[in-house]
C-alpha cells in the first residue's frame, strides 16, 4: 500500500491499534450518545473516547490548544474511516478470518507472543475486541488500495520529469565526501605509541586489535561522510589529509583518535540520467496521493455529515 497515502489519511492506522492506553469502562449513556452521523453510520462518544485514549498516552501534558487540534484531527479521521467503511460495504470489500489470522500472527511475531497478548488484554479487556479493530483497519486498507489503483501505471511525461529535476536542482548536489578509518583509545600515551607504528598498510589490522570504537571490527572504517556529518574534530582532522595520510593524535570528549584518509570524492551534481527513475517514481507517488485525496474529498462532499459539537 502506498505509504504516503497512509500518512496523508491515517497516521495512526495499525500503530494506534497496538499501543493504545488502558481500556476504561464507560457509562451506558456515553456509549449511546452520538457524536457524529456519517451517512448510514454513527460515531458514538464512547468510540471517540476509546480512540482518543489509545492515541494519547496517560500522563500527556495538558496543552489545551494542542489537545483541541488533536481532538478535531481524530474526529476527522473517524469520519473519514466511516465514509470508507460505507464504501467498503458498497464495493463488497471484506476481510476473512484467514486474512485476519495472518495479520495477527505477523504482529505477534514482531512484538513477542506472551507479553504482547497480556498488553493487548490489559488495554482492550478482550483480545477479540482488538482483533476486530485489526479487521476494520484491514478493510480500510483494502478500500484505500482500490482507490489508489486507478492511478497505477500512469507515468509522468519526460517533460514533467525534466521540469522537476530543474526546479529541484539543488537536491541533486552532492557535497565533498571523505572515506576514512579511525582508531580511538582512552589514554593519550597509548595513542602516541600506536601512532608511531602506524602505516596505511597496517592501519586496519591495528584498529581491529586496539580500537575501542564500534567500527573496530571493520578495521575502523567510517565509510564515506561529508562535512557536518561527523563531529567537528573528526571533520577538521580528516579533510586536511591527502589520500593515504594518517593524522596526528586528536583529543576529543570521546577519547584519543587517529585517522587514515582512504579516499576523497569531490562534490558534484547528479546528472539527470542518474536520477530520472527516482524522480519518475516520486511523481507517480505524488499523483497517486492526489488521486486518493480527491476521491476522499468526493466521498465527503456527497455524504450527509452531522457533528454534535457540544460533546467534544
Protein backbone atom coordinates (compact mmCIF):
# COMPACT_ATOMS: atom_id res chain seq x y z
CA UNK A 1 0.00 0.00 0.00
CA UNK A 2 1.17 3.50 -0.76
CA UNK A 3 2.89 4.65 2.44
CA UNK A 4 2.47 8.32 1.62
CA UNK A 5 -1.27 7.82 1.24
CA UNK A 6 -1.44 6.20 4.66
CA UNK A 7 0.42 9.18 6.09
CA UNK A 8 -1.95 11.62 4.38
CA UNK A 9 -5.09 9.92 5.63
CA UNK A 10 -4.50 7.80 8.72
CA UNK A 11 -1.27 8.49 10.61
CA UNK A 12 -2.24 6.04 13.32
CA UNK A 13 -3.65 3.03 11.32
CA UNK A 14 -2.28 -0.18 12.92
CA UNK A 15 0.08 1.54 15.36
CA UNK A 16 -2.78 3.18 17.22
CA UNK A 17 -4.50 -0.18 17.43
CA UNK A 18 -1.42 -1.69 19.04
CA UNK A 19 -0.11 0.84 21.52
CA UNK A 20 -3.28 2.29 22.97
CA UNK A 21 -3.84 3.37 26.54
CA UNK A 22 -5.84 1.47 29.17
CA UNK A 23 -9.39 0.46 28.28
CA UNK A 24 -11.92 2.06 30.68
CA UNK A 25 -15.49 1.14 31.44
CA UNK A 26 -17.93 3.82 30.26
CA UNK A 27 -21.40 4.75 31.40
CA UNK A 28 -24.23 3.32 29.29
CA UNK A 29 -25.43 6.75 28.22
CA UNK A 30 -21.99 7.69 26.83
CA UNK A 31 -21.92 4.52 24.74
CA UNK A 32 -25.25 5.56 23.21
CA UNK A 33 -24.52 9.29 22.82
CA UNK A 34 -23.98 10.08 19.14
CA UNK A 35 -21.05 12.39 18.47
CA UNK A 36 -21.37 12.31 14.69
CA UNK A 37 -23.58 10.88 11.97
CA UNK A 38 -21.75 9.98 8.77
CA UNK A 39 -24.02 8.70 6.03
CA UNK A 40 -25.53 5.46 7.31
CA UNK A 41 -23.06 5.21 10.20
CA UNK A 42 -22.80 6.84 13.62
CA UNK A 43 -19.75 7.61 15.75
CA UNK A 44 -20.62 7.30 19.42
CA UNK A 45 -18.99 9.30 22.16
CA UNK A 46 -17.59 6.06 23.60
CA UNK A 47 -15.97 5.11 20.28
CA UNK A 48 -14.38 8.52 20.10
CA UNK A 49 -13.18 8.48 23.72
CA UNK A 50 -11.76 4.98 23.36
CA UNK A 51 -9.88 6.01 20.22
CA UNK A 52 -8.63 9.13 21.95
CA UNK A 53 -7.37 7.19 24.99
CA UNK A 54 -5.46 4.83 22.68
CA UNK A 55 -3.99 7.76 20.80
CA UNK A 56 -2.95 9.86 23.81
CA UNK A 57 -0.82 8.02 26.39
CA UNK A 58 -1.70 8.58 30.07
CA UNK A 59 0.18 11.48 31.65
CA UNK A 60 0.43 13.54 28.46
CA UNK A 61 0.81 17.23 29.20
CA UNK A 62 -2.47 19.14 29.13
CA UNK A 63 -1.72 21.65 26.35
CA UNK A 64 -5.22 22.92 25.63
CA UNK A 65 -4.59 24.26 22.14
CA UNK A 66 -2.73 21.14 21.04
CA UNK A 67 -5.38 18.86 22.56
CA UNK A 68 -8.12 20.76 20.77
CA UNK A 69 -6.38 20.33 17.44
CA UNK A 70 -5.72 16.68 18.18
CA UNK A 71 -9.36 16.07 19.03
CA UNK A 72 -10.50 17.69 15.79
CA UNK A 73 -7.98 15.67 13.81
CA UNK A 74 -9.09 12.43 15.45
CA UNK A 75 -12.77 13.14 14.81
CA UNK A 76 -11.99 13.92 11.18
CA UNK A 77 -10.12 10.63 10.94
CA UNK A 78 -13.05 8.70 12.38
CA UNK A 79 -15.41 10.43 9.94
CA UNK A 80 -13.17 9.52 7.01
CA UNK A 81 -12.93 5.94 8.24
CA UNK A 82 -16.73 5.76 8.44
CA UNK A 83 -17.04 7.00 4.87
CA UNK A 84 -14.54 4.44 3.64
CA UNK A 85 -16.27 1.63 5.55
CA UNK A 86 -19.54 2.62 3.86
CA UNK A 87 -17.70 2.45 0.55
CA UNK A 88 -16.33 -0.97 1.52
CA UNK A 89 -19.86 -2.24 2.05
CA UNK A 90 -20.93 -0.82 -1.32
CA UNK A 91 -17.98 -2.47 -3.07
CA UNK A 92 -18.37 -5.75 -1.18
CA UNK A 93 -14.90 -5.45 0.37
CA UNK A 94 -14.30 -7.59 3.45
CA UNK A 95 -11.55 -9.36 5.38
CA UNK A 96 -11.99 -13.06 6.10
CA UNK A 97 -10.73 -14.94 9.16
CA UNK A 98 -7.73 -16.34 7.29
CA UNK A 99 -6.53 -12.86 6.28
CA UNK A 100 -7.10 -11.59 9.81
CA UNK A 101 -5.20 -14.55 11.24
CA UNK A 102 -2.17 -13.87 9.04
CA UNK A 103 -2.10 -10.22 10.08
CA UNK A 104 -2.43 -11.03 13.79
CA UNK A 105 0.24 -13.71 13.53
CA UNK A 106 2.63 -11.26 11.89
CA UNK A 107 2.05 -8.67 14.60
CA UNK A 108 2.54 -11.24 17.37
CA UNK A 109 5.83 -12.41 15.84
CA UNK A 110 7.07 -8.84 15.67
CA UNK A 111 6.21 -7.94 19.25
CA UNK A 112 6.51 -11.27 21.08
CA UNK A 113 3.54 -13.51 21.74
CA UNK A 114 3.03 -13.90 25.53
CA UNK A 115 3.78 -10.38 26.79
CA UNK A 116 2.08 -8.92 23.73
CA UNK A 117 -1.21 -10.71 24.45
CA UNK A 118 -1.08 -9.58 28.08
CA UNK A 119 -0.61 -5.97 26.98
CA UNK A 120 -3.49 -6.15 24.49
CA UNK A 121 -5.79 -7.74 27.05
CA UNK A 122 -4.92 -5.03 29.57
CA UNK A 123 -5.71 -2.30 27.06
CA UNK A 124 -8.76 -3.75 25.34
CA UNK A 125 -10.17 -6.06 28.00
CA UNK A 126 -10.59 -8.78 25.40
CA UNK A 127 -8.28 -9.98 22.64
CA UNK A 128 -11.31 -10.47 20.38
CA UNK A 129 -12.09 -6.73 20.56
CA UNK A 130 -8.57 -5.90 19.40
CA UNK A 131 -8.78 -8.44 16.57
CA UNK A 132 -11.97 -6.84 15.27
CA UNK A 133 -10.21 -3.48 15.32
CA UNK A 134 -7.44 -5.03 13.20
CA UNK A 135 -10.07 -6.45 10.82
CA UNK A 136 -11.59 -2.99 10.44
CA UNK A 137 -8.20 -1.45 9.66
CA UNK A 138 -7.52 -4.14 7.05
CA UNK A 139 -10.84 -3.36 5.36
CA UNK A 140 -9.86 0.32 5.29
CA UNK A 141 -6.52 -0.60 3.76
CA UNK A 142 -8.15 -2.66 1.00
CA UNK A 143 -10.52 0.12 0.00
CA UNK A 144 -7.73 2.68 0.03
CA UNK A 145 -5.66 0.41 -2.22
CA UNK A 146 -8.57 0.23 -4.65
CA UNK A 147 -8.94 3.99 -4.65
CA UNK A 148 -5.25 4.46 -5.43
CA UNK A 149 -5.11 1.66 -8.02
CA UNK A 150 -6.81 3.76 -10.71
CA UNK A 151 -3.66 5.86 -10.95
CA UNK A 152 -1.22 2.93 -11.20
CA UNK A 153 0.64 2.62 -14.44
CA UNK A 154 0.28 6.30 -15.30
CA UNK A 155 3.79 7.51 -15.91
CA UNK A 156 4.65 11.20 -15.97
CA UNK A 157 5.88 12.67 -19.23
CA UNK A 158 9.57 13.13 -19.91
CA UNK A 159 8.93 16.87 -19.89
CA UNK A 160 7.42 16.69 -16.38
CA UNK A 161 10.37 14.66 -15.09
CA UNK A 162 12.90 17.11 -16.53
CA UNK A 163 10.95 20.06 -15.17
CA UNK A 164 11.01 18.54 -11.67
CA UNK A 165 14.77 17.99 -11.95
CA UNK A 166 15.36 21.60 -12.96
CA UNK A 167 13.06 23.02 -10.29
CA UNK A 168 14.70 20.95 -7.53
CA UNK A 169 18.24 21.02 -8.89
CA UNK A 170 19.86 21.79 -5.51
CA UNK A 171 18.55 18.48 -4.16
CA UNK A 172 20.91 16.73 -6.56
CA UNK A 173 24.10 18.46 -5.47
CA UNK A 174 26.37 16.01 -3.67
CA UNK A 175 28.84 17.56 -1.20
CA UNK A 176 32.51 16.67 -1.00
CA UNK A 177 32.93 13.38 0.85
CA UNK A 178 35.75 11.50 2.51
CA UNK A 179 36.18 7.87 3.42
CA UNK A 180 38.33 7.37 6.50
CA UNK A 181 39.38 4.83 9.08
CA UNK A 182 39.63 5.64 12.77
CA UNK A 183 41.37 4.27 15.84
CA UNK A 184 40.26 5.50 19.24
CA UNK A 185 41.78 4.67 22.63
CA UNK A 186 41.24 6.06 26.11
CA UNK A 187 44.83 7.04 27.08
CA UNK A 188 46.99 9.71 25.41
CA UNK A 189 50.33 7.90 25.89
CA UNK A 190 48.87 4.74 24.36
CA UNK A 191 47.58 6.74 21.37
CA UNK A 192 51.03 8.23 20.69
CA UNK A 193 52.71 4.82 20.91
CA UNK A 194 50.22 3.40 18.42
CA UNK A 195 50.65 6.40 16.11
CA UNK A 196 54.40 5.81 15.87
CA UNK A 197 53.99 2.32 14.42
CA UNK A 198 51.06 3.05 12.12
CA UNK A 199 51.22 2.87 8.34
CA UNK A 200 48.44 2.95 5.78
CA UNK A 201 49.09 -0.78 5.26
CA UNK A 202 48.69 -1.85 8.91
CA UNK A 203 46.06 0.68 9.99
CA UNK A 204 43.01 -1.61 9.53
CA UNK A 205 44.64 -4.53 11.35
CA UNK A 206 45.75 -2.27 14.20
CA UNK A 207 42.24 -0.81 14.51
CA UNK A 208 40.80 -4.30 14.90
CA UNK A 209 43.37 -5.03 17.58
CA UNK A 210 43.27 -1.91 19.76
CA UNK A 211 40.45 0.47 18.84
CA UNK A 212 37.55 0.97 21.25
CA UNK A 213 35.13 2.27 18.60
CA UNK A 214 32.19 0.24 17.23
CA UNK A 215 33.88 0.30 13.80
CA UNK A 216 36.92 -1.61 15.10
CA UNK A 217 35.63 -4.88 13.67
CA UNK A 218 35.63 -3.26 10.22
CA UNK A 219 39.18 -2.08 10.62
CA UNK A 220 37.96 1.33 11.83
CA UNK A 221 36.18 2.03 8.53
CA UNK A 222 33.84 5.02 8.91
CA UNK A 223 32.62 4.84 5.32
CA UNK A 224 32.01 7.96 3.25
CA UNK A 225 30.83 11.10 5.02
CA UNK A 226 30.51 14.76 4.18
CA UNK A 227 31.29 17.90 6.12
CA UNK A 228 28.96 18.32 9.11
CA UNK A 229 28.11 14.58 9.08
CA UNK A 230 30.65 13.89 11.82
CA UNK A 231 31.79 15.77 14.96
CA UNK A 232 33.73 18.91 14.07
CA UNK A 233 37.01 17.48 15.42
CA UNK A 234 36.72 14.48 13.09
CA UNK A 235 35.93 16.68 10.12
CA UNK A 236 38.79 19.10 10.77
CA UNK A 237 41.28 16.23 11.04
CA UNK A 238 40.14 14.17 8.06
CA UNK A 239 39.54 16.85 5.45
CA UNK A 240 43.08 18.20 5.96
CA UNK A 241 44.62 14.90 4.89
CA UNK A 242 45.58 13.57 1.49
CA UNK A 243 44.62 10.04 0.46
CA UNK A 244 46.85 7.57 2.34
CA UNK A 245 47.88 10.07 5.01
CA UNK A 246 47.47 9.46 8.75
CA UNK A 247 46.51 12.22 11.15
CA UNK A 248 48.24 13.20 14.37
CA UNK A 249 46.58 12.16 17.64
CA UNK A 250 43.34 14.12 18.12
CA UNK A 251 41.84 14.57 21.58
CA UNK A 252 38.04 14.75 21.85
CA UNK A 253 35.47 14.10 24.56
CA UNK A 254 35.28 10.53 23.23
CA UNK A 255 38.98 9.72 23.72
CA UNK A 256 42.16 9.93 21.62
CA UNK A 257 41.71 9.45 17.88
CA UNK A 258 43.89 8.69 14.88
CA UNK A 259 42.52 8.89 11.32
CA UNK A 260 43.58 7.47 7.98
CA UNK A 261 42.10 9.09 4.87
CA UNK A 262 41.34 6.33 2.36
CA UNK A 263 39.66 8.30 -0.40
CA UNK A 264 38.10 11.66 -1.14
CA UNK A 265 35.23 12.37 -3.52
CA UNK A 266 34.78 15.84 -4.97
CA UNK A 267 31.37 17.43 -4.68
CA UNK A 268 29.29 17.16 -7.84
CA UNK A 269 25.80 17.47 -9.24
CA UNK A 270 23.95 14.25 -10.09
CA UNK A 271 23.14 14.10 -13.77
CA UNK A 272 19.54 13.88 -14.97
CA UNK A 273 20.03 10.32 -16.25
CA UNK A 274 21.26 9.25 -12.78
CA UNK A 275 18.08 10.39 -11.01
CA UNK A 276 15.45 10.12 -13.75
CA UNK A 277 13.88 6.90 -12.45
CA UNK A 278 13.76 8.15 -8.86
CA UNK A 279 12.02 11.33 -9.99
CA UNK A 280 9.57 9.34 -12.11
CA UNK A 281 8.71 7.11 -9.13
CA UNK A 282 8.26 10.15 -6.90
CA UNK A 283 5.90 11.84 -9.36
CA UNK A 284 3.86 8.65 -9.72
CA UNK A 285 3.57 8.50 -5.92
CA UNK A 286 2.54 12.16 -5.68
CA UNK A 287 -0.09 11.66 -8.39
CA UNK A 288 -1.47 8.62 -6.54
CA UNK A 289 -1.65 10.64 -3.32
CA UNK A 290 -3.51 13.44 -5.08
CA UNK A 291 -5.87 10.90 -6.65
CA UNK A 292 -6.68 9.43 -3.25
CA UNK A 293 -7.26 12.83 -1.64
CA UNK A 294 -9.65 13.80 -4.47
CA UNK A 295 -11.51 10.51 -4.06
CA UNK A 296 -11.84 11.01 -0.31
CA UNK A 297 -12.99 14.61 -0.70
CA UNK A 298 -15.59 13.36 -3.17
CA UNK A 299 -16.94 10.96 -0.56
CA UNK A 300 -17.15 13.80 1.95
CA UNK A 301 -18.88 16.14 -0.47
CA UNK A 302 -21.59 13.58 -1.23
CA UNK A 303 -22.16 12.46 2.35
CA UNK A 304 -24.52 13.78 4.98
CA UNK A 305 -22.27 14.54 7.96
CA UNK A 306 -23.66 15.86 11.26
CA UNK A 307 -21.46 16.61 14.29
CA UNK A 308 -22.64 17.25 17.84
CA UNK A 309 -20.04 19.86 18.78
CA UNK A 310 -21.32 20.08 22.36
CA UNK A 311 -19.97 16.59 23.11
CA UNK A 312 -16.39 17.44 22.13
